Protein backbone atom coordinates (compact mmCIF):
# COMPACT_ATOMS: atom_id res chain seq x y z
CA MET A 1 9.60 15.47 15.31
CA LEU A 2 9.47 11.73 15.97
CA VAL A 3 8.28 9.28 13.33
CA ILE A 4 7.55 5.75 14.52
CA GLY A 5 8.03 3.22 11.72
CA SER A 6 10.31 3.19 8.66
CA GLY A 7 7.95 1.73 6.10
CA ILE A 8 6.43 3.59 3.18
CA ALA A 9 4.36 5.92 5.38
CA GLY A 10 7.11 6.71 7.86
CA LEU A 11 9.84 7.39 5.33
CA SER A 12 7.54 9.50 3.15
CA CYS A 13 6.56 11.57 6.18
CA ALA A 14 10.18 11.99 7.23
CA ILE A 15 11.14 13.20 3.75
CA ALA A 16 8.21 15.63 3.55
CA LEU A 17 8.69 17.00 7.07
CA ARG A 18 12.42 17.55 6.54
CA ARG A 19 11.78 19.34 3.25
CA ALA A 20 9.31 21.56 5.09
CA GLY A 21 12.09 22.54 7.51
CA HIS A 22 11.53 20.22 10.49
CA GLU A 23 14.11 18.17 12.34
CA VAL A 24 13.05 14.51 12.20
CA VAL A 25 14.11 11.24 13.79
CA VAL A 26 12.63 7.96 12.54
CA TYR A 27 12.45 5.05 14.97
CA GLU A 28 12.10 1.53 13.60
CA ARG A 29 11.69 -1.62 15.68
CA ALA A 30 13.45 -3.89 13.16
CA PRO A 31 17.22 -4.20 13.63
CA GLU A 32 17.95 -3.06 10.07
CA LEU A 33 16.38 -1.66 6.92
CA ARG A 34 14.01 -4.27 5.53
CA GLU A 35 10.54 -4.68 4.10
CA VAL A 36 8.54 -7.86 3.98
CA GLY A 37 5.97 -8.54 1.30
CA ALA A 38 6.53 -8.50 -2.41
CA GLY A 39 5.24 -6.16 -5.11
CA ILE A 40 3.38 -2.89 -4.82
CA SER A 41 1.62 -0.64 -7.31
CA LEU A 42 2.24 3.10 -7.40
CA TRP A 43 -0.57 4.88 -9.19
CA TRP A 44 -0.32 8.39 -10.60
CA ASN A 45 -1.54 9.99 -7.37
CA ALA A 46 1.45 8.47 -5.54
CA LEU A 47 3.93 9.25 -8.32
CA ALA A 48 2.86 12.91 -8.40
CA THR A 49 3.19 13.10 -4.62
CA LEU A 50 6.65 11.55 -4.72
CA ASP A 51 7.62 14.26 -7.20
CA HIS A 52 6.39 16.90 -4.74
CA ILE A 53 8.74 15.57 -2.02
CA GLY A 54 11.68 15.12 -4.36
CA ALA A 55 11.62 11.32 -4.35
CA GLY A 56 10.02 10.69 -7.74
CA ALA A 57 13.22 10.08 -9.69
CA ALA A 58 14.61 7.68 -7.08
CA VAL A 59 11.42 5.62 -7.09
CA ARG A 60 11.05 5.58 -10.87
CA ALA A 61 14.60 4.21 -11.08
CA VAL A 62 13.52 1.07 -9.20
CA SER A 63 10.06 0.63 -10.75
CA LEU A 64 8.54 -0.47 -14.04
CA ALA A 65 5.69 1.25 -15.87
CA MET A 66 2.63 -0.81 -16.71
CA THR A 67 2.10 -1.06 -20.48
CA ARG A 68 -0.83 -3.49 -20.70
CA SER A 69 -3.34 -5.18 -18.41
CA GLU A 70 -6.04 -7.80 -18.83
CA LEU A 71 -8.45 -9.99 -16.90
CA ARG A 72 -8.96 -13.71 -17.51
CA VAL A 73 -10.74 -16.59 -15.81
CA ARG A 74 -9.01 -19.67 -14.46
CA ASN A 75 -9.04 -21.56 -17.79
CA GLY A 76 -7.32 -18.64 -19.52
CA PHE A 77 -10.38 -17.23 -21.32
CA LYS A 78 -10.00 -13.48 -21.62
CA VAL A 79 -12.85 -11.69 -19.85
CA ALA A 80 -11.73 -8.12 -20.41
CA VAL A 81 -9.86 -6.96 -23.49
CA GLY A 82 -6.33 -5.90 -22.68
CA THR A 83 -6.05 -2.29 -21.56
CA ILE A 84 -3.19 -0.34 -23.11
CA ALA A 85 -1.70 2.00 -20.51
CA ALA A 86 -0.82 4.73 -23.00
CA GLU A 87 -4.42 4.88 -24.22
CA MET A 88 -5.74 4.85 -20.66
CA GLY A 89 -3.41 7.70 -19.77
CA ARG A 90 -4.50 9.71 -22.79
CA ARG A 91 -8.16 9.33 -21.86
CA ALA A 92 -7.47 10.22 -18.24
CA GLY A 93 -5.20 13.14 -19.08
CA LEU A 94 -2.31 11.67 -17.08
CA PRO A 95 1.35 11.41 -18.16
CA GLU A 96 1.60 7.92 -16.65
CA ILE A 97 -0.84 5.57 -14.97
CA VAL A 98 0.89 3.12 -12.67
CA ARG A 99 4.34 1.75 -11.95
CA MET A 100 5.18 -1.52 -10.22
CA THR A 101 8.07 -2.28 -7.90
CA HIS A 102 9.17 -4.53 -5.06
CA ARG A 103 8.36 -3.15 -1.63
CA ALA A 104 11.95 -3.59 -0.52
CA ASP A 105 13.16 -1.55 -3.50
CA LEU A 106 10.61 1.19 -2.79
CA VAL A 107 11.60 1.38 0.88
CA GLY A 108 15.26 1.42 -0.10
CA ALA A 109 14.70 4.27 -2.55
CA LEU A 110 12.82 6.31 0.06
CA ALA A 111 15.45 5.61 2.71
CA GLY A 112 18.09 6.83 0.28
CA CYS A 113 16.37 10.22 0.19
CA LEU A 114 17.19 10.74 3.88
CA PRO A 115 20.60 11.52 5.38
CA THR A 116 22.42 8.74 7.19
CA GLY A 117 21.46 8.60 10.84
CA VAL A 118 17.93 9.97 10.53
CA THR A 119 16.51 6.46 10.98
CA GLN A 120 17.36 4.59 14.18
CA TYR A 121 16.88 0.82 14.10
CA GLY A 122 16.08 -1.55 16.95
CA PHE A 123 13.68 0.81 18.73
CA GLU A 124 10.24 -0.67 19.45
CA CYS A 125 7.76 1.95 20.61
CA VAL A 126 5.77 0.92 23.69
CA GLY A 127 4.13 4.16 24.75
CA VAL A 128 3.40 7.80 24.02
CA ASP A 129 3.07 10.46 26.75
CA GLU A 130 2.19 14.12 26.34
CA ALA A 131 3.19 16.90 28.73
CA GLY A 132 2.46 20.51 27.88
CA ASP A 133 3.77 21.45 24.46
CA LYS A 134 5.91 18.32 24.10
CA VAL A 135 5.27 14.62 23.52
CA THR A 136 7.48 11.67 24.45
CA ALA A 137 7.83 8.29 22.76
CA ARG A 138 9.02 5.44 24.99
CA PHE A 139 10.78 2.34 23.70
CA ARG A 140 11.18 -1.21 24.92
CA ASN A 141 14.95 -0.85 25.24
CA GLY A 142 14.48 1.90 27.84
CA HIS A 143 15.15 4.80 25.51
CA ALA A 144 12.80 7.78 25.43
CA ASP A 145 12.74 10.78 23.10
CA THR A 146 10.76 13.99 23.33
CA GLY A 147 9.65 16.25 20.50
CA ASP A 148 6.93 18.51 19.18
CA LEU A 149 5.08 15.70 17.38
CA VAL A 150 4.86 11.90 17.28
CA VAL A 151 3.82 10.40 13.93
CA GLY A 152 2.55 6.83 14.23
CA ALA A 153 3.51 5.19 10.94
CA ASP A 154 3.89 1.71 12.38
CA GLY A 155 1.32 -0.25 10.42
CA ILE A 156 -2.03 -1.91 10.90
CA ASN A 157 -1.12 -3.18 14.38
CA SER A 158 0.30 0.19 15.38
CA ALA A 159 1.73 0.54 18.86
CA VAL A 160 1.07 4.27 18.67
CA ARG A 161 -2.60 3.60 17.87
CA ALA A 162 -2.82 1.25 20.86
CA ALA A 163 -1.15 3.82 23.12
CA LEU A 164 -3.53 6.57 22.05
CA PHE A 165 -6.82 4.75 21.63
CA GLY A 166 -6.39 1.24 23.03
CA ALA A 167 -5.62 -2.01 21.26
CA SER A 168 -8.16 -3.47 18.84
CA ALA A 169 -8.05 -6.25 16.27
CA PRO A 170 -8.20 -5.45 12.55
CA ARG A 171 -11.07 -6.74 10.39
CA TYR A 172 -10.53 -9.97 8.46
CA ALA A 173 -11.75 -9.73 4.87
CA GLY A 174 -12.59 -13.43 4.56
CA TYR A 175 -9.72 -14.37 2.27
CA THR A 176 -6.05 -15.14 2.66
CA CYS A 177 -3.12 -14.43 0.36
CA TRP A 178 0.22 -15.89 -0.67
CA ARG A 179 2.77 -13.65 -2.41
CA GLY A 180 5.98 -14.37 -4.22
CA VAL A 181 8.57 -13.15 -6.71
CA CYS A 182 10.13 -15.31 -9.42
CA PRO A 183 11.96 -14.89 -12.75
CA ARG A 184 9.82 -13.53 -15.57
CA PRO A 185 8.95 -16.31 -18.06
CA ALA A 186 9.40 -15.68 -21.77
CA GLY A 187 5.65 -15.53 -22.39
CA VAL A 188 5.12 -12.57 -20.06
CA GLU A 189 6.34 -9.26 -21.49
CA PRO A 190 7.76 -6.45 -19.33
CA GLY A 191 5.06 -4.02 -18.25
CA TYR A 192 2.32 -6.67 -18.19
CA VAL A 193 -0.28 -6.78 -15.41
CA GLY A 194 -2.90 -9.53 -15.31
CA GLU A 195 -5.43 -11.26 -13.09
CA TRP A 196 -7.21 -14.62 -13.31
CA TRP A 197 -10.50 -14.98 -11.45
CA GLY A 198 -12.06 -18.21 -10.27
CA ARG A 199 -14.70 -19.12 -7.72
CA GLY A 200 -13.52 -17.77 -4.38
CA MET A 201 -9.98 -17.62 -5.75
CA ARG A 202 -7.81 -15.12 -7.63
CA PHE A 203 -4.33 -15.06 -9.07
CA GLY A 204 -2.55 -11.91 -10.18
CA ILE A 205 0.81 -11.03 -11.67
CA THR A 206 2.74 -7.87 -12.33
CA THR A 207 6.16 -7.51 -13.86
CA ILE A 208 8.77 -5.65 -11.82
CA PRO A 209 12.35 -4.57 -12.57
CA GLY A 210 15.09 -7.16 -12.86
CA ASP A 211 13.11 -9.40 -15.23
CA ARG A 212 10.98 -10.55 -12.31
CA VAL A 213 7.31 -11.26 -11.76
CA TYR A 214 5.46 -10.49 -8.55
CA TRP A 215 2.48 -12.79 -8.09
CA PHE A 216 -0.30 -13.12 -5.55
CA ALA A 217 -2.67 -16.02 -4.95
CA VAL A 218 -5.88 -15.37 -3.02
CA ALA A 219 -8.37 -17.88 -1.61
CA ASN A 220 -11.43 -17.57 0.58
CA ALA A 221 -10.87 -19.03 4.04
CA PRO A 222 -12.69 -18.87 7.38
CA ALA A 223 -11.20 -16.81 10.19
CA GLY A 224 -8.60 -18.76 12.12
CA HIS A 225 -8.10 -21.12 9.16
CA GLY A 226 -4.46 -21.83 10.00
CA ILE A 227 -3.28 -22.58 6.43
CA PRO A 228 -0.03 -20.60 5.95
CA ASP A 229 1.57 -23.63 4.24
CA PRO A 230 3.74 -22.21 1.40
CA GLY A 231 2.94 -25.28 -0.69
CA ARG A 232 -0.78 -24.60 -0.49
CA PRO A 233 -1.07 -22.26 -3.52
CA ALA A 234 0.58 -24.79 -5.84
CA ALA A 235 -2.10 -27.30 -4.86
CA LEU A 236 -4.97 -24.83 -5.07
CA PHE A 237 -3.99 -23.45 -8.48
CA ARG A 238 -2.44 -26.53 -10.11
CA ASP A 239 -5.09 -26.79 -12.85
CA TRP A 240 -5.27 -23.08 -13.72
CA ALA A 241 -4.15 -21.83 -17.11
CA ALA A 242 -0.55 -20.92 -17.89
CA PRO A 243 1.48 -19.20 -16.63
CA VAL A 244 -0.05 -19.64 -13.16
CA PRO A 245 1.33 -23.12 -12.29
CA GLU A 246 4.67 -22.23 -13.89
CA LEU A 247 5.10 -19.15 -11.72
CA LEU A 248 4.26 -21.06 -8.56
CA ALA A 249 6.70 -23.82 -9.46
CA ALA A 250 9.44 -21.25 -10.09
CA THR A 251 9.13 -19.77 -6.60
CA PRO A 252 10.96 -21.54 -3.74
CA PRO A 253 8.50 -22.30 -0.92
CA ALA A 254 10.75 -20.49 1.56
CA ALA A 255 10.37 -17.31 -0.50
CA ILE A 256 6.55 -17.33 -0.39
CA VAL A 257 5.00 -14.83 2.02
CA HIS A 258 1.59 -15.58 3.51
CA GLY A 259 -0.86 -13.26 5.24
CA ASP A 260 -4.57 -12.83 5.78
CA ILE A 261 -6.15 -9.80 4.10
CA LEU A 262 -7.08 -7.25 6.76
CA ASP A 263 -8.28 -3.70 7.11
CA ARG A 264 -10.11 -1.53 9.63
CA PRO A 265 -13.52 0.03 9.04
CA PRO A 266 -13.04 3.79 8.54
CA ALA A 267 -13.19 5.54 11.91
CA ARG A 268 -11.90 8.62 13.66
CA PRO A 269 -10.02 9.99 15.59
CA TRP A 270 -6.57 9.66 14.07
CA ALA A 271 -4.93 12.16 16.40
CA GLN A 272 -4.73 13.03 20.05
CA GLY A 273 -2.85 16.05 21.33
CA ARG A 274 0.54 16.02 19.63
CA ALA A 275 0.39 12.50 18.20
CA VAL A 276 -1.11 11.43 14.88
CA LEU A 277 -1.56 8.23 12.88
CA VAL A 278 -0.72 7.96 9.17
CA GLY A 279 -0.76 5.22 6.55
CA ASP A 280 -1.91 1.78 7.68
CA ALA A 281 -1.84 2.90 11.30
CA ALA A 282 -4.71 5.28 10.48
CA HIS A 283 -6.54 3.85 7.47
CA PRO A 284 -5.48 0.32 6.50
CA THR A 285 -7.22 -0.89 3.36
CA THR A 286 -7.45 -4.18 1.52
CA PRO A 287 -5.12 -4.28 -1.51
CA ASN A 288 -7.81 -4.66 -4.17
CA LEU A 289 -7.45 -1.14 -5.60
CA GLY A 290 -3.68 -0.96 -5.12
CA GLN A 291 -3.99 2.30 -3.17
CA GLY A 292 -2.77 1.49 0.36
CA GLY A 293 0.81 2.62 -0.12
CA CYS A 294 -0.32 5.46 -2.38
CA LEU A 295 -2.53 6.92 0.35
CA ALA A 296 0.33 6.68 2.84
CA ILE A 297 2.55 8.72 0.52
CA GLU A 298 -0.21 11.32 0.12
CA ASP A 299 -0.51 11.60 3.91
CA ALA A 300 3.06 12.88 4.10
CA VAL A 301 2.47 16.02 2.04
CA VAL A 302 -0.88 16.82 3.65
CA LEU A 303 0.58 16.48 7.15
CA ALA A 304 3.53 18.76 6.34
CA ARG A 305 1.19 21.30 4.77
CA CYS A 306 -1.23 21.32 7.71
CA LEU A 307 1.65 21.80 10.16
CA ALA A 308 2.77 24.83 8.16
CA THR A 309 -0.62 26.52 8.00
CA ALA A 310 -2.38 25.73 11.30
CA ALA A 311 -2.11 27.79 14.48
CA ASP A 312 -0.58 24.95 16.50
CA VAL A 313 0.16 21.23 16.31
CA PRO A 314 -3.21 19.97 17.65
CA ALA A 315 -5.03 22.22 15.17
CA ALA A 316 -2.79 20.94 12.37
CA LEU A 317 -3.58 17.34 13.23
CA ALA A 318 -7.31 18.09 13.30
CA ALA A 319 -7.01 19.70 9.86
CA PHE A 320 -5.00 16.74 8.58
CA THR A 321 -7.67 14.29 9.70
CA GLU A 322 -10.43 16.41 8.22
CA GLU A 323 -8.71 16.62 4.84
CA ARG A 324 -7.74 12.96 4.62
CA PHE A 325 -10.60 11.04 6.18
CA VAL A 326 -13.21 11.13 3.41
CA ARG A 327 -10.76 10.18 0.65
CA CYS A 328 -9.17 7.36 2.64
CA ALA A 329 -12.54 6.06 3.82
CA GLY A 330 -13.75 5.98 0.22
CA VAL A 331 -10.80 3.85 -0.85
CA THR A 332 -11.23 1.50 2.11
CA GLN A 333 -14.94 0.97 1.49
CA GLU A 334 -14.67 0.60 -2.29
CA SER A 335 -11.72 -1.76 -2.00
CA TRP A 336 -13.70 -3.90 0.46
CA GLN A 337 -16.63 -4.12 -1.95
CA PHE A 338 -14.35 -4.84 -4.91
CA GLY A 339 -12.83 -7.71 -2.94
CA ARG A 340 -16.25 -9.18 -2.21
CA LEU A 341 -17.04 -9.10 -5.92
CA ALA A 342 -13.73 -10.66 -6.93
CA GLN A 343 -14.03 -13.40 -4.28
CA LEU A 344 -17.55 -14.58 -5.16
CA GLU A 345 -17.91 -18.37 -4.99
CA GLY A 346 -21.29 -19.28 -6.50
CA ARG A 347 -21.24 -20.62 -10.05
CA VAL A 348 -24.10 -18.42 -11.28
CA ALA A 349 -22.86 -15.34 -9.41
CA CYS A 350 -19.36 -15.74 -10.85
CA ALA A 351 -20.66 -16.23 -14.38
CA LEU A 352 -22.77 -13.09 -14.08
CA ARG A 353 -19.85 -11.16 -12.58
CA ASN A 354 -17.52 -12.18 -15.39
CA THR A 355 -20.07 -11.23 -18.04
CA VAL A 356 -20.76 -7.82 -16.54
CA VAL A 357 -17.06 -7.05 -16.03
CA GLY A 358 -16.29 -8.15 -19.59
CA LEU A 359 -18.98 -5.88 -21.01
CA THR A 360 -18.27 -2.83 -18.88
CA ALA A 361 -14.46 -2.86 -18.58
CA PRO A 362 -13.84 -1.37 -22.05
CA LEU A 363 -16.29 1.43 -21.27
CA SER A 364 -15.08 2.25 -17.77
CA GLY A 365 -11.65 3.55 -18.82
CA GLY A 366 -10.02 2.05 -15.76
CA GLY A 367 -13.03 2.27 -13.47
CA PRO A 368 -12.35 2.50 -9.74
CA MET A 369 -8.60 2.26 -10.28
CA LEU A 370 -8.47 5.59 -12.13
CA LYS A 371 -11.10 7.13 -9.88
CA TYR A 372 -8.53 7.43 -7.12
CA ALA A 373 -5.40 7.64 -9.28
CA ARG A 374 -6.61 10.80 -11.03
CA TYR A 375 -5.69 12.96 -8.06
CA ASP A 376 -2.87 15.34 -7.17
CA VAL A 377 -2.49 16.06 -3.48
CA GLY A 378 -0.63 19.30 -4.22
CA PRO A 379 2.80 20.63 -3.29
CA LEU A 380 4.59 20.96 0.01
CA PRO A 381 4.10 24.21 1.96
CA GLY A 382 5.82 27.15 0.36
CA GLY A 383 6.57 25.12 -2.76
CA ALA A 384 9.41 23.25 -1.00
CA SER A 385 10.89 20.49 -3.11
């Protein structure tokens, strides 16, 4: 089986498929193992799934459990009383809620769960062709490989998606984001997660292993705004409460990653013949609920299970899509709406939002975050682990 892409989705699928007894080759267009971006949250649904594929211990070794979270406004006023993770877990009936890590560390941990040589680097997929009971992936360097299944795990601008269904642009959410990692200041304890909301702007931090802080700075911007300047967040957030300016100042401009926030409206199909899309190639979501990577990890177990129980590969891919679509569409739609709420600009609208969130947060027990985290996708076929 051929997996295109060695990010979170591709590596998770490779691990799950191998544990279910399949031979797998992963093709990655980058010349070496790497992952851009910064931090990522792994909620209980992802952690449980990683345990099912035997990768839980490796990922926990490079991640940090959240102990406390809170929401403030730009001047530092606390809108929502700090949530204690242990109490949230007790109420939800979960052994742990969420862990934070750097994307590169997560990808490295997943890659370490595969034998050397499974992943081939420097192979950019340019086409997918099906003939009878086999499917072939073609690559820019002239290489071609044929197998029983092609898994498109190559991200929001997936080449496999384009080959199957034609190229199309993702949807711009209306806001852009800068991300960075810097040393953890003394005033931020390990396990802390926090956000500061302004008018059309947000700043968030999470602590990650190695006494580091992952931060993100979000600002509304028109499509085609052209403002990737790494110095821009320092200017936009210079008068926000501590530790926001301090964290920005502690991050070298060259280490700041910029990208517009994108998704795709939920839509099928995800599969054609013997090729299927997973992760961001199938259901990219805005990051507001922290579930994008988690859903990709879930996809791996469901795909392996459907392949084990269906009559043939096309039937398995139809069953996979049927099982995954509603859940993934729900996350995408709710994350989009949450982003619209968080990015409100009007003075009155923001004041009302902050008041409502402050009053309801203690009663919601984690709200939409736990709604999707309180989920166990189930084991691999035959109890493989």
